[in-house]
Amino acid sequence: LPGNTRHRELVDEVATTALGRQFAGALQGGGLVVYL
């Protein structure tokens, strides 16, 4: 989406869990503050 925003469809809890795991892999050692 505009401004580097990304939209993910999460059809079930398995997809939500997969996104969390992928996000962890994208951190690569730095700190981050995430508002949910």
PDB file of all heavy atoms in Angstrom:
ATOM      1  N   LEU A   1       0.844  -1.180   0.000  1.00  0.00           N
ATOM      2  CA  LEU A   1       0.000   0.000   0.000  1.00  0.00           C
ATOM      3  C   LEU A   1       0.884   1.235   0.000  1.00  0.00           C
ATOM      4  O   LEU A   1       2.081   1.152   0.221  1.00  0.00           O
ATOM      5  CB  LEU A   1      -0.914  -0.015   1.228  1.00  0.00           C
ATOM      6  CG  LEU A   1      -1.838  -1.232   1.344  1.00  0.00           C
ATOM      7  CD1 LEU A   1      -2.557  -1.211   2.681  1.00  0.00           C
ATOM      8  CD2 LEU A   1      -2.817  -1.275   0.206  1.00  0.00           C
ATOM      9  N   PRO A   2       0.320   2.415  -0.228  1.00  0.00           N
ATOM     10  CA  PRO A   2       1.123   3.643  -0.242  1.00  0.00           C
ATOM     11  C   PRO A   2       1.930   3.815   1.045  1.00  0.00           C
ATOM     12  O   PRO A   2       1.496   3.424   2.120  1.00  0.00           O
ATOM     13  CB  PRO A   2       0.078   4.753  -0.379  1.00  0.00           C
ATOM     14  CG  PRO A   2      -1.106   4.082  -0.997  1.00  0.00           C
ATOM     15  CD  PRO A   2      -1.081   2.664  -0.497  1.00  0.00           C
ATOM     16  N   GLY A   3       3.127   4.410   0.924  1.00  0.00           N
ATOM     17  CA  GLY A   3       3.962   4.699   2.084  1.00  0.00           C
ATOM     18  C   GLY A   3       4.618   3.478   2.684  1.00  0.00           C
ATOM     19  O   GLY A   3       4.876   3.436   3.873  1.00  0.00           O
ATOM     20  N   ASN A   4       4.886   2.460   1.888  1.00  0.00           N
ATOM     21  CA  ASN A   4       5.524   1.230   2.346  1.00  0.00           C
ATOM     22  C   ASN A   4       4.655   0.421   3.296  1.00  0.00           C
ATOM     23  O   ASN A   4       5.138  -0.469   3.966  1.00  0.00           O
ATOM     24  CB  ASN A   4       6.883   1.507   3.006  1.00  0.00           C
ATOM     25  CG  ASN A   4       7.898   2.025   2.024  1.00  0.00           C
ATOM     26  OD1 ASN A   4       7.912   1.617   0.875  1.00  0.00           O
ATOM     27  ND2 ASN A   4       8.726   2.945   2.470  1.00  0.00           N
ATOM     28  N   THR A   5       3.387   0.725   3.389  1.00  0.00           N
ATOM     29  CA  THR A   5       2.478  -0.046   4.224  1.00  0.00           C
ATOM     30  C   THR A   5       2.187  -1.366   3.532  1.00  0.00           C
ATOM     31  O   THR A   5       2.044  -1.419   2.318  1.00  0.00           O
ATOM     32  CB  THR A   5       1.178   0.747   4.446  1.00  0.00           C
ATOM     33  OG1 THR A   5       1.503   1.949   5.137  1.00  0.00           O
ATOM     34  CG2 THR A   5       0.176  -0.034   5.264  1.00  0.00           C
ATOM     35  N   ARG A   6       2.119  -2.446   4.323  1.00  0.00           N
ATOM     36  CA  ARG A   6       1.815  -3.771   3.769  1.00  0.00           C
ATOM     37  C   ARG A   6       0.554  -4.311   4.407  1.00  0.00           C
ATOM     38  O   ARG A   6       0.325  -4.139   5.602  1.00  0.00           O
ATOM     39  CB  ARG A   6       2.955  -4.751   4.040  1.00  0.00           C
ATOM     40  CG  ARG A   6       4.265  -4.359   3.435  1.00  0.00           C
ATOM     41  CD  ARG A   6       4.444  -4.926   2.037  1.00  0.00           C
ATOM     42  NE  ARG A   6       5.558  -4.328   1.359  1.00  0.00           N
ATOM     43  CZ  ARG A   6       6.836  -4.479   1.669  1.00  0.00           C
ATOM     44  NH1 ARG A   6       7.177  -5.210   2.685  1.00  0.00           N
ATOM     45  NH2 ARG A   6       7.771  -3.891   0.963  1.00  0.00           N
ATOM     46  N   HIS A   7      -0.202  -5.008   3.597  1.00  0.00           N
ATOM     47  CA  HIS A   7      -1.448  -5.602   4.049  1.00  0.00           C
ATOM     48  C   HIS A   7      -1.332  -7.115   3.886  1.00  0.00           C
ATOM     49  O   HIS A   7      -0.932  -7.583   2.813  1.00  0.00           O
ATOM     50  CB  HIS A   7      -2.600  -5.042   3.213  1.00  0.00           C
ATOM     51  CG  HIS A   7      -3.917  -5.623   3.555  1.00  0.00           C
ATOM     52  ND1 HIS A   7      -4.619  -5.244   4.668  1.00  0.00           N
ATOM     53  CD2 HIS A   7      -4.663  -6.565   2.928  1.00  0.00           C
ATOM     54  CE1 HIS A   7      -5.750  -5.928   4.706  1.00  0.00           C
ATOM     55  NE2 HIS A   7      -5.792  -6.730   3.670  1.00  0.00           N
ATOM     56  N   ARG A   8      -1.656  -7.862   4.937  1.00  0.00           N
ATOM     57  CA  ARG A   8      -1.620  -9.322   4.881  1.00  0.00           C
ATOM     58  C   ARG A   8      -2.983  -9.894   5.210  1.00  0.00           C
ATOM     59  O   ARG A   8      -3.595  -9.505   6.203  1.00  0.00           O
ATOM     60  CB  ARG A   8      -0.619  -9.890   5.901  1.00  0.00           C
ATOM     61  CG  ARG A   8       0.837  -9.595   5.626  1.00  0.00           C
ATOM     62  CD  ARG A   8       1.402 -10.656   4.697  1.00  0.00           C
ATOM     63  NE  ARG A   8       2.781 -10.398   4.412  1.00  0.00           N
ATOM     64  CZ  ARG A   8       3.790 -11.158   4.812  1.00  0.00           C
ATOM     65  NH1 ARG A   8       3.566 -12.217   5.544  1.00  0.00           N
ATOM     66  NH2 ARG A   8       5.017 -10.850   4.482  1.00  0.00           N
ATOM     67  N   GLU A   9      -3.428 -10.811   4.393  1.00  0.00           N
ATOM     68  CA  GLU A   9      -4.649 -11.563   4.675  1.00  0.00           C
ATOM     69  C   GLU A   9      -4.252 -12.752   5.539  1.00  0.00           C
ATOM     70  O   GLU A   9      -3.320 -13.472   5.201  1.00  0.00           O
ATOM     71  CB  GLU A   9      -5.297 -12.049   3.373  1.00  0.00           C
ATOM     72  CG  GLU A   9      -5.743 -10.931   2.451  1.00  0.00           C
ATOM     73  CD  GLU A   9      -6.836 -10.073   3.044  1.00  0.00           C
ATOM     74  OE1 GLU A   9      -7.696 -10.596   3.789  1.00  0.00           O
ATOM     75  OE2 GLU A   9      -6.835  -8.854   2.767  1.00  0.00           O
ATOM     76  N   LEU A  10      -4.954 -12.936   6.627  1.00  0.00           N
ATOM     77  CA  LEU A  10      -4.672 -14.023   7.567  1.00  0.00           C
ATOM     78  C   LEU A  10      -5.937 -14.872   7.685  1.00  0.00           C
ATOM     79  O   LEU A  10      -6.841 -14.536   8.437  1.00  0.00           O
ATOM     80  CB  LEU A  10      -4.267 -13.452   8.925  1.00  0.00           C
ATOM     81  CG  LEU A  10      -3.106 -12.443   8.901  1.00  0.00           C
ATOM     82  CD1 LEU A  10      -2.972 -11.739  10.230  1.00  0.00           C
ATOM     83  CD2 LEU A  10      -1.818 -13.126   8.493  1.00  0.00           C
ATOM     84  N   VAL A  11      -5.986 -15.958   6.930  1.00  0.00           N
ATOM     85  CA  VAL A  11      -7.225 -16.730   6.830  1.00  0.00           C
ATOM     86  C   VAL A  11      -7.557 -17.490   8.115  1.00  0.00           C
ATOM     87  O   VAL A  11      -8.707 -17.860   8.333  1.00  0.00           O
ATOM     88  CB  VAL A  11      -7.208 -17.699   5.631  1.00  0.00           C
ATOM     89  CG1 VAL A  11      -7.123 -16.913   4.328  1.00  0.00           C
ATOM     90  CG2 VAL A  11      -6.086 -18.704   5.746  1.00  0.00           C
ATOM     91  N   ASP A  12      -6.543 -17.732   8.959  1.00  0.00           N
ATOM     92  CA  ASP A  12      -6.779 -18.458  10.202  1.00  0.00           C
ATOM     93  C   ASP A  12      -5.635 -18.181  11.176  1.00  0.00           C
ATOM     94  O   ASP A  12      -4.709 -17.426  10.873  1.00  0.00           O
ATOM     95  CB  ASP A  12      -6.926 -19.968   9.939  1.00  0.00           C
ATOM     96  CG  ASP A  12      -5.748 -20.569   9.180  1.00  0.00           C
ATOM     97  OD1 ASP A  12      -4.637 -19.987   9.197  1.00  0.00           O
ATOM     98  OD2 ASP A  12      -5.925 -21.632   8.566  1.00  0.00           O
ATOM     99  N   GLU A  13      -5.705 -18.811  12.357  1.00  0.00           N
ATOM    100  CA  GLU A  13      -4.677 -18.575  13.375  1.00  0.00           C
ATOM    101  C   GLU A  13      -3.307 -19.082  12.919  1.00  0.00           C
ATOM    102  O   GLU A  13      -2.274 -18.512  13.283  1.00  0.00           O
ATOM    103  CB  GLU A  13      -5.066 -19.212  14.709  1.00  0.00           C
ATOM    104  CG  GLU A  13      -4.114 -18.805  15.821  1.00  0.00           C
ATOM    105  CD  GLU A  13      -4.574 -19.219  17.193  1.00  0.00           C
ATOM    106  OE1 GLU A  13      -5.700 -19.692  17.354  1.00  0.00           O
ATOM    107  OE2 GLU A  13      -3.763 -19.061  18.131  1.00  0.00           O
ATOM    108  N   VAL A  14      -3.281 -20.115  12.110  1.00  0.00           N
ATOM    109  CA  VAL A  14      -2.014 -20.629  11.572  1.00  0.00           C
ATOM    110  C   VAL A  14      -1.321 -19.541  10.749  1.00  0.00           C
ATOM    111  O   VAL A  14      -0.105 -19.347  10.845  1.00  0.00           O
ATOM    112  CB  VAL A  14      -2.250 -21.915  10.740  1.00  0.00           C
ATOM    113  CG1 VAL A  14      -0.971 -22.346  10.041  1.00  0.00           C
ATOM    114  CG2 VAL A  14      -2.775 -23.030  11.628  1.00  0.00           C
ATOM    115  N   ALA A  15      -2.090 -18.789   9.974  1.00  0.00           N
ATOM    116  CA  ALA A  15      -1.520 -17.705   9.169  1.00  0.00           C
ATOM    117  C   ALA A  15      -1.025 -16.569  10.057  1.00  0.00           C
ATOM    118  O   ALA A  15       0.007 -15.961   9.784  1.00  0.00           O
ATOM    119  CB  ALA A  15      -2.549 -17.194   8.169  1.00  0.00           C
ATOM    120  N   THR A  16      -1.747 -16.291  11.148  1.00  0.00           N
ATOM    121  CA  THR A  16      -1.305 -15.251  12.093  1.00  0.00           C
ATOM    122  C   THR A  16       0.007 -15.669  12.747  1.00  0.00           C
ATOM    123  O   THR A  16       0.931 -14.860  12.879  1.00  0.00           O
ATOM    124  CB  THR A  16      -2.395 -15.009  13.155  1.00  0.00           C
ATOM    125  OG1 THR A  16      -3.604 -14.616  12.497  1.00  0.00           O
ATOM    126  CG2 THR A  16      -1.978 -13.933  14.135  1.00  0.00           C
ATOM    127  N   THR A  17       0.095 -16.933  13.125  1.00  0.00           N
ATOM    128  CA  THR A  17       1.325 -17.462  13.726  1.00  0.00           C
ATOM    129  C   THR A  17       2.473 -17.395  12.721  1.00  0.00           C
ATOM    130  O   THR A  17       3.591 -17.011  13.072  1.00  0.00           O
ATOM    131  CB  THR A  17       1.094 -18.917  14.198  1.00  0.00           C
ATOM    132  OG1 THR A  17       0.064 -18.899  15.195  1.00  0.00           O
ATOM    133  CG2 THR A  17       2.349 -19.528  14.774  1.00  0.00           C
ATOM    134  N   ALA A  18       2.206 -17.730  11.483  1.00  0.00           N
ATOM    135  CA  ALA A  18       3.244 -17.672  10.447  1.00  0.00           C
ATOM    136  C   ALA A  18       3.757 -16.246  10.275  1.00  0.00           C
ATOM    137  O   ALA A  18       4.965 -16.022  10.148  1.00  0.00           O
ATOM    138  CB  ALA A  18       2.700 -18.211   9.125  1.00  0.00           C
ATOM    139  N   LEU A  19       2.860 -15.268  10.305  1.00  0.00           N
ATOM    140  CA  LEU A  19       3.286 -13.874  10.190  1.00  0.00           C
ATOM    141  C   LEU A  19       4.170 -13.485  11.375  1.00  0.00           C
ATOM    142  O   LEU A  19       5.193 -12.827  11.193  1.00  0.00           O
ATOM    143  CB  LEU A  19       2.077 -12.937  10.087  1.00  0.00           C
ATOM    144  CG  LEU A  19       2.402 -11.447  10.029  1.00  0.00           C
ATOM    145  CD1 LEU A  19       3.270 -11.101   8.815  1.00  0.00           C
ATOM    146  CD2 LEU A  19       1.112 -10.623  10.025  1.00  0.00           C
ATOM    147  N   GLY A  20       3.813 -13.890  12.580  1.00  0.00           N
ATOM    148  CA  GLY A  20       4.638 -13.596  13.747  1.00  0.00           C
ATOM    149  C   GLY A  20       6.039 -14.185  13.619  1.00  0.00           C
ATOM    150  O   GLY A  20       7.040 -13.535  13.930  1.00  0.00           O
ATOM    151  N   ARG A  21       6.120 -15.405  13.134  1.00  0.00           N
ATOM    152  CA  ARG A  21       7.428 -16.053  12.949  1.00  0.00           C
ATOM    153  C   ARG A  21       8.246 -15.357  11.858  1.00  0.00           C
ATOM    154  O   ARG A  21       9.449 -15.164  12.004  1.00  0.00           O
ATOM    155  CB  ARG A  21       7.235 -17.521  12.613  1.00  0.00           C
ATOM    156  CG  ARG A  21       6.728 -18.324  13.787  1.00  0.00           C
ATOM    157  CD  ARG A  21       6.548 -19.784  13.434  1.00  0.00           C
ATOM    158  NE  ARG A  21       6.076 -20.513  14.593  1.00  0.00           N
ATOM    159  CZ  ARG A  21       5.266 -21.540  14.531  1.00  0.00           C
ATOM    160  NH1 ARG A  21       4.841 -21.988  13.352  1.00  0.00           N
ATOM    161  NH2 ARG A  21       4.874 -22.154  15.624  1.00  0.00           N
ATOM    162  N   GLN A  22       7.592 -14.997  10.761  1.00  0.00           N
ATOM    163  CA  GLN A  22       8.288 -14.279   9.693  1.00  0.00           C
ATOM    164  C   GLN A  22       8.791 -12.928  10.195  1.00  0.00           C
ATOM    165  O   GLN A  22       9.905 -12.511   9.863  1.00  0.00           O
ATOM    166  CB  GLN A  22       7.347 -14.070   8.498  1.00  0.00           C
ATOM    167  CG  GLN A  22       6.980 -15.335   7.777  1.00  0.00           C
ATOM    168  CD  GLN A  22       5.808 -15.128   6.825  1.00  0.00           C
ATOM    169  OE1 GLN A  22       5.225 -14.053   6.736  1.00  0.00           O
ATOM    170  NE2 GLN A  22       5.441 -16.191   6.118  1.00  0.00           N
ATOM    171  N   PHE A  23       7.985 -12.262  10.986  1.00  0.00           N
ATOM    172  CA  PHE A  23       8.357 -10.961  11.536  1.00  0.00           C
ATOM    173  C   PHE A  23       9.595 -11.111  12.420  1.00  0.00           C
ATOM    174  O   PHE A  23      10.514 -10.294  12.351  1.00  0.00           O
ATOM    175  CB  PHE A  23       7.184 -10.379  12.333  1.00  0.00           C
ATOM    176  CG  PHE A  23       7.293  -8.910  12.602  1.00  0.00           C
ATOM    177  CD1 PHE A  23       6.711  -7.996  11.750  1.00  0.00           C
ATOM    178  CD2 PHE A  23       7.960  -8.442  13.721  1.00  0.00           C
ATOM    179  CE1 PHE A  23       6.798  -6.631  11.992  1.00  0.00           C
ATOM    180  CE2 PHE A  23       8.059  -7.090  13.982  1.00  0.00           C
ATOM    181  CZ  PHE A  23       7.480  -6.182  13.106  1.00  0.00           C
ATOM    182  N   ALA A  24       9.637 -12.160  13.226  1.00  0.00           N
ATOM    183  CA  ALA A  24      10.808 -12.410  14.083  1.00  0.00           C
ATOM    184  C   ALA A  24      12.068 -12.553  13.242  1.00  0.00           C
ATOM    185  O   ALA A  24      13.126 -12.011  13.581  1.00  0.00           O
ATOM    186  CB  ALA A  24      10.583 -13.665  14.926  1.00  0.00           C
ATOM    187  N   GLY A  25      11.963 -13.263  12.123  1.00  0.00           N
ATOM    188  CA  GLY A  25      13.107 -13.435  11.241  1.00  0.00           C
ATOM    189  C   GLY A  25      13.561 -12.139  10.594  1.00  0.00           C
ATOM    190  O   GLY A  25      14.731 -11.965  10.271  1.00  0.00           O
ATOM    191  N   ALA A  26      12.644 -11.207  10.430  1.00  0.00           N
ATOM    192  CA  ALA A  26      12.974  -9.924   9.803  1.00  0.00           C
ATOM    193  C   ALA A  26      13.635  -8.947  10.767  1.00  0.00           C
ATOM    194  O   ALA A  26      14.178  -7.935  10.338  1.00  0.00           O
ATOM    195  CB  ALA A  26      11.710  -9.293   9.215  1.00  0.00           C
ATOM    196  N   LEU A  27      13.616  -9.236  12.063  1.00  0.00           N
ATOM    197  CA  LEU A  27      14.204  -8.305  13.039  1.00  0.00           C
ATOM    198  C   LEU A  27      15.720  -8.216  12.902  1.00  0.00           C
ATOM    199  O   LEU A  27      16.290  -7.153  13.062  1.00  0.00           O
ATOM    200  CB  LEU A  27      13.828  -8.713  14.469  1.00  0.00           C
ATOM    201  CG  LEU A  27      12.365  -8.532  14.826  1.00  0.00           C
ATOM    202  CD1 LEU A  27      12.107  -9.076  16.236  1.00  0.00           C
ATOM    203  CD2 LEU A  27      11.961  -7.080  14.732  1.00  0.00           C
ATOM    204  N   GLN A  28      16.380  -9.312  12.677  1.00  0.00           N
ATOM    205  CA  GLN A  28      17.831  -9.372  12.488  1.00  0.00           C
ATOM    206  C   GLN A  28      18.622  -8.589  13.516  1.00  0.00           C
ATOM    207  O   GLN A  28      19.472  -7.770  13.185  1.00  0.00           O
ATOM    208  CB  GLN A  28      18.201  -8.927  11.079  1.00  0.00           C
ATOM    209  CG  GLN A  28      17.707  -9.878  10.027  1.00  0.00           C
ATOM    210  CD  GLN A  28      18.239  -9.566   8.655  1.00  0.00           C
ATOM    211  OE1 GLN A  28      18.911  -8.560   8.422  1.00  0.00           O
ATOM    212  NE2 GLN A  28      17.950 -10.423   7.708  1.00  0.00           N
ATOM    213  N   GLY A  29      18.338  -8.839  14.769  1.00  0.00           N
ATOM    214  CA  GLY A  29      19.210  -8.346  15.823  1.00  0.00           C
ATOM    215  C   GLY A  29      18.972  -6.957  16.366  1.00  0.00           C
ATOM    216  O   GLY A  29      19.622  -6.558  17.307  1.00  0.00           O
ATOM    217  N   GLY A  30      18.080  -6.198  15.834  1.00  0.00           N
ATOM    218  CA  GLY A  30      17.864  -4.858  16.366  1.00  0.00           C
ATOM    219  C   GLY A  30      16.631  -4.781  17.233  1.00  0.00           C
ATOM    220  O   GLY A  30      15.755  -5.626  17.171  1.00  0.00           O
ATOM    221  N   GLY A  31      16.574  -3.760  18.059  1.00  0.00           N
ATOM    222  CA  GLY A  31      15.394  -3.515  18.861  1.00  0.00           C
ATOM    223  C   GLY A  31      14.303  -2.903  18.009  1.00  0.00           C
ATOM    224  O   GLY A  31      14.552  -2.387  16.920  1.00  0.00           O
ATOM    225  N   LEU A  32      13.084  -2.967  18.501  1.00  0.00           N
ATOM    226  CA  LEU A  32      11.961  -2.432  17.755  1.00  0.00           C
ATOM    227  C   LEU A  32      10.795  -2.244  18.714  1.00  0.00           C
ATOM    228  O   LEU A  32      10.566  -3.083  19.582  1.00  0.00           O
ATOM    229  CB  LEU A  32      11.546  -3.403  16.647  1.00  0.00           C
ATOM    230  CG  LEU A  32      10.648  -2.841  15.554  1.00  0.00           C
ATOM    231  CD1 LEU A  32      11.443  -1.926  14.613  1.00  0.00           C
ATOM    232  CD2 LEU A  32      10.009  -3.964  14.753  1.00  0.00           C
ATOM    233  N   VAL A  33      10.065  -1.156  18.551  1.00  0.00           N
ATOM    234  CA  VAL A  33       8.839  -0.924  19.313  1.00  0.00           C
ATOM    235  C   VAL A  33       7.674  -1.093  18.348  1.00  0.00           C
ATOM    236  O   VAL A  33       7.598  -0.396  17.333  1.00  0.00           O
ATOM    237  CB  VAL A  33       8.819   0.479  19.954  1.00  0.00           C
ATOM    238  CG1 VAL A  33       7.504   0.711  20.682  1.00  0.00           C
ATOM    239  CG2 VAL A  33      10.009   0.656  20.897  1.00  0.00           C
ATOM    240  N   VAL A  34       6.786  -2.038  18.672  1.00  0.00           N
ATOM    241  CA  VAL A  34       5.654  -2.370  17.808  1.00  0.00           C
ATOM    242  C   VAL A  34       4.360  -2.141  18.580  1.00  0.00           C
ATOM    243  O   VAL A  34       4.163  -2.717  19.648  1.00  0.00           O
ATOM    244  CB  VAL A  34       5.718  -3.841  17.339  1.00  0.00           C
ATOM    245  CG1 VAL A  34       4.533  -4.168  16.439  1.00  0.00           C
ATOM    246  CG2 VAL A  34       7.036  -4.136  16.643  1.00  0.00           C
ATOM    247  N   TYR A  35       3.508  -1.312  18.036  1.00  0.00           N
ATOM    248  CA  TYR A  35       2.172  -1.107  18.589  1.00  0.00           C
ATOM    249  C   TYR A  35       1.219  -2.029  17.851  1.00  0.00           C
ATOM    250  O   TYR A  35       1.180  -2.030  16.615  1.00  0.00           O
ATOM    251  CB  TYR A  35       1.710   0.334  18.398  1.00  0.00           C
ATOM    252  CG  TYR A  35       2.365   1.374  19.271  1.00  0.00           C
ATOM    253  CD1 TYR A  35       3.351   1.070  20.205  1.00  0.00           C
ATOM    254  CD2 TYR A  35       1.981   2.698  19.146  1.00  0.00           C
ATOM    255  CE1 TYR A  35       3.939   2.061  20.990  1.00  0.00           C
ATOM    256  CE2 TYR A  35       2.551   3.693  19.930  1.00  0.00           C
ATOM    257  CZ  TYR A  35       3.526   3.370  20.848  1.00  0.00           C
ATOM    258  OH  TYR A  35       4.097   4.353  21.622  1.00  0.00           O
ATOM    259  N   LEU A  36       0.444  -2.802  18.607  1.00  0.00           N
ATOM    260  CA  LEU A  36      -0.523  -3.732  18.051  1.00  0.00           C
ATOM    261  C   LEU A  36      -1.927  -3.220  18.341  1.00  0.00           C
ATOM    262  O   LEU A  36      -2.349  -3.162  19.489  1.00  0.00           O
ATOM    263  CB  LEU A  36      -0.335  -5.121  18.667  1.00  0.00           C
ATOM    264  CG  LEU A  36       1.030  -5.765  18.407  1.00  0.00           C
ATOM    265  CD1 LEU A  36       1.267  -6.922  19.343  1.00  0.00           C
ATOM    266  CD2 LEU A  36       1.126  -6.216  16.964  1.00  0.00           C
TER     267      LEU A  36
END
